[in-house]
Amino acid sequence: MNQSEPVAPHGDTFDDKLDDDDYPAYSMGRAAEILGVTPAFLRSLDTAKLIAPQRSGGGHRRYSRYQLRLAQRARELVDQGTPLEAACRIIILEDQLSEAQRINAELQRRRAADR
């Protein structure tokens, strides 16, 4: 870490947090504004267990960029007429498939490197 780089609490640099897709940077109001949805829609995604936002010290929901992408995908599916619960299940399965494909590609790279 460079001496002039600002350091956030807990030793993280601000750049680390800005680059972290899982950092809970957005309040519910800001997240709803970015996505063009209501706070109630975001709460419904929490109830449906698609996203579980972190909580601030005051108990307010905080969303990460990763969670905003999931919420945006849910909005797209719901806007196309997919029921919310089905949309959430589709997104969870898409996410699991993507992770399995990432792991498979990594294992194939390792296997090729070992030859």
Protein backbone atom coordinates (compact mmCIF):
# COMPACT_ATOMS: atom_id res chain seq x y z
CA MET A 1 0.00 0.00 0.00
CA ASN A 2 1.35 3.39 -0.95
CA GLN A 3 1.87 5.89 1.89
CA SER A 4 -0.29 8.60 0.30
CA GLU A 5 -3.26 6.28 -0.25
CA PRO A 6 -6.11 7.01 2.21
CA VAL A 7 -6.86 4.23 4.63
CA ALA A 8 -10.40 3.43 5.72
CA PRO A 9 -11.29 1.99 9.13
CA HIS A 10 -10.16 -1.63 9.63
CA GLY A 11 -7.09 -1.08 7.39
CA ASP A 12 -8.92 -1.26 4.04
CA THR A 13 -8.07 1.39 1.48
CA PHE A 14 -10.92 3.37 0.00
CA ASP A 15 -10.01 2.00 -3.44
CA ASP A 16 -10.44 -1.54 -2.07
CA LYS A 17 -13.99 -0.71 -1.01
CA LEU A 18 -14.78 1.06 -4.28
CA ASP A 19 -13.65 -2.00 -6.23
CA ASP A 20 -15.40 -4.51 -3.94
CA ASP A 21 -18.67 -5.73 -5.51
CA ASP A 22 -19.77 -7.01 -2.09
CA TYR A 23 -19.20 -3.79 -0.12
CA PRO A 24 -22.61 -2.50 1.13
CA ALA A 25 -22.25 1.02 -0.25
CA TYR A 26 -25.87 1.90 -1.11
CA SER A 27 -28.74 2.84 1.16
CA MET A 28 -32.19 1.51 0.33
CA GLY A 29 -33.30 4.88 -1.01
CA ARG A 30 -30.25 5.26 -3.24
CA ALA A 31 -30.49 1.63 -4.44
CA ALA A 32 -34.18 2.11 -5.32
CA GLU A 33 -33.36 5.34 -7.15
CA ILE A 34 -30.53 3.73 -9.16
CA LEU A 35 -32.74 0.79 -10.16
CA GLY A 36 -35.91 2.78 -10.73
CA VAL A 37 -37.87 0.66 -8.25
CA THR A 38 -39.64 1.29 -4.97
CA PRO A 39 -38.14 0.46 -1.59
CA ALA A 40 -41.03 -2.02 -1.23
CA PHE A 41 -39.71 -3.93 -4.27
CA LEU A 42 -36.28 -4.19 -2.63
CA ARG A 43 -37.88 -5.38 0.62
CA SER A 44 -39.79 -8.02 -1.36
CA LEU A 45 -36.48 -9.36 -2.74
CA ASP A 46 -35.24 -9.65 0.84
CA THR A 47 -38.45 -11.48 1.84
CA ALA A 48 -38.08 -13.79 -1.18
CA LYS A 49 -34.50 -14.47 -0.01
CA LEU A 50 -32.90 -13.32 -3.26
CA ILE A 51 -30.80 -10.69 -1.54
CA ALA A 52 -30.08 -10.18 2.14
CA PRO A 53 -28.75 -6.66 2.54
CA GLN A 54 -26.35 -5.90 5.35
CA ARG A 55 -27.52 -3.55 8.07
CA SER A 56 -25.92 -0.30 9.15
CA GLY A 57 -25.30 0.42 12.82
CA GLY A 58 -28.74 2.05 12.89
CA GLY A 59 -30.42 -0.99 11.33
CA HIS A 60 -30.84 0.47 7.83
CA ARG A 61 -30.48 -1.83 4.83
CA ARG A 62 -27.27 -1.42 2.82
CA TYR A 63 -26.84 -2.91 -0.65
CA SER A 64 -23.76 -3.90 -2.63
CA ARG A 65 -23.23 -3.54 -6.37
CA TYR A 66 -23.59 -7.32 -6.71
CA GLN A 67 -26.98 -7.16 -4.97
CA LEU A 68 -28.03 -4.27 -7.21
CA ARG A 69 -27.25 -6.39 -10.28
CA LEU A 70 -29.42 -9.21 -8.90
CA ALA A 71 -32.22 -6.75 -8.14
CA GLN A 72 -31.96 -5.30 -11.65
CA ARG A 73 -32.26 -8.79 -13.16
CA ALA A 74 -35.31 -9.44 -10.93
CA ARG A 75 -36.87 -6.20 -12.12
CA GLU A 76 -36.31 -7.20 -15.77
CA LEU A 77 -37.98 -10.58 -15.24
CA VAL A 78 -40.90 -9.13 -13.28
CA ASP A 79 -41.38 -6.43 -15.94
CA GLN A 80 -41.63 -9.27 -18.50
CA GLY A 81 -44.46 -10.84 -16.49
CA THR A 82 -42.54 -13.42 -14.45
CA PRO A 83 -43.95 -13.83 -10.92
CA LEU A 84 -41.53 -12.54 -8.26
CA GLU A 85 -40.89 -15.94 -6.64
CA ALA A 86 -40.17 -17.53 -10.04
CA ALA A 87 -37.91 -14.62 -11.00
CA CYS A 88 -35.92 -15.05 -7.78
CA ARG A 89 -35.55 -18.78 -8.38
CA ILE A 90 -34.39 -18.18 -11.96
CA ILE A 91 -31.79 -15.68 -10.78
CA ILE A 92 -30.51 -18.00 -8.04
CA LEU A 93 -30.16 -20.83 -10.59
CA GLU A 94 -28.43 -18.52 -13.09
CA ASP A 95 -26.01 -17.41 -10.37
CA GLN A 96 -25.29 -21.02 -9.33
CA LEU A 97 -24.70 -22.02 -12.96
CA SER A 98 -22.33 -19.09 -13.49
CA GLU A 99 -20.35 -20.05 -10.37
CA ALA A 100 -20.20 -23.72 -11.43
CA GLN A 101 -18.95 -22.67 -14.88
CA ARG A 102 -16.30 -20.44 -13.29
CA ILE A 103 -15.10 -23.28 -11.05
CA ASN A 104 -15.09 -25.72 -13.98
CA ALA A 105 -13.01 -23.32 -16.12
CA GLU A 106 -10.53 -22.85 -13.25
CA LEU A 107 -10.20 -26.62 -12.76
CA GLN A 108 -9.62 -27.08 -16.51
CA ARG A 109 -6.92 -24.39 -16.47
CA ARG A 110 -5.18 -26.09 -13.54
CA ARG A 111 -5.42 -29.46 -15.22
CA ALA A 112 -3.91 -28.07 -18.43
CA ALA A 113 -1.11 -26.38 -16.46
CA ASP A 114 -0.27 -29.67 -14.69
CA ARG A 115 0.32 -31.46 -18.00
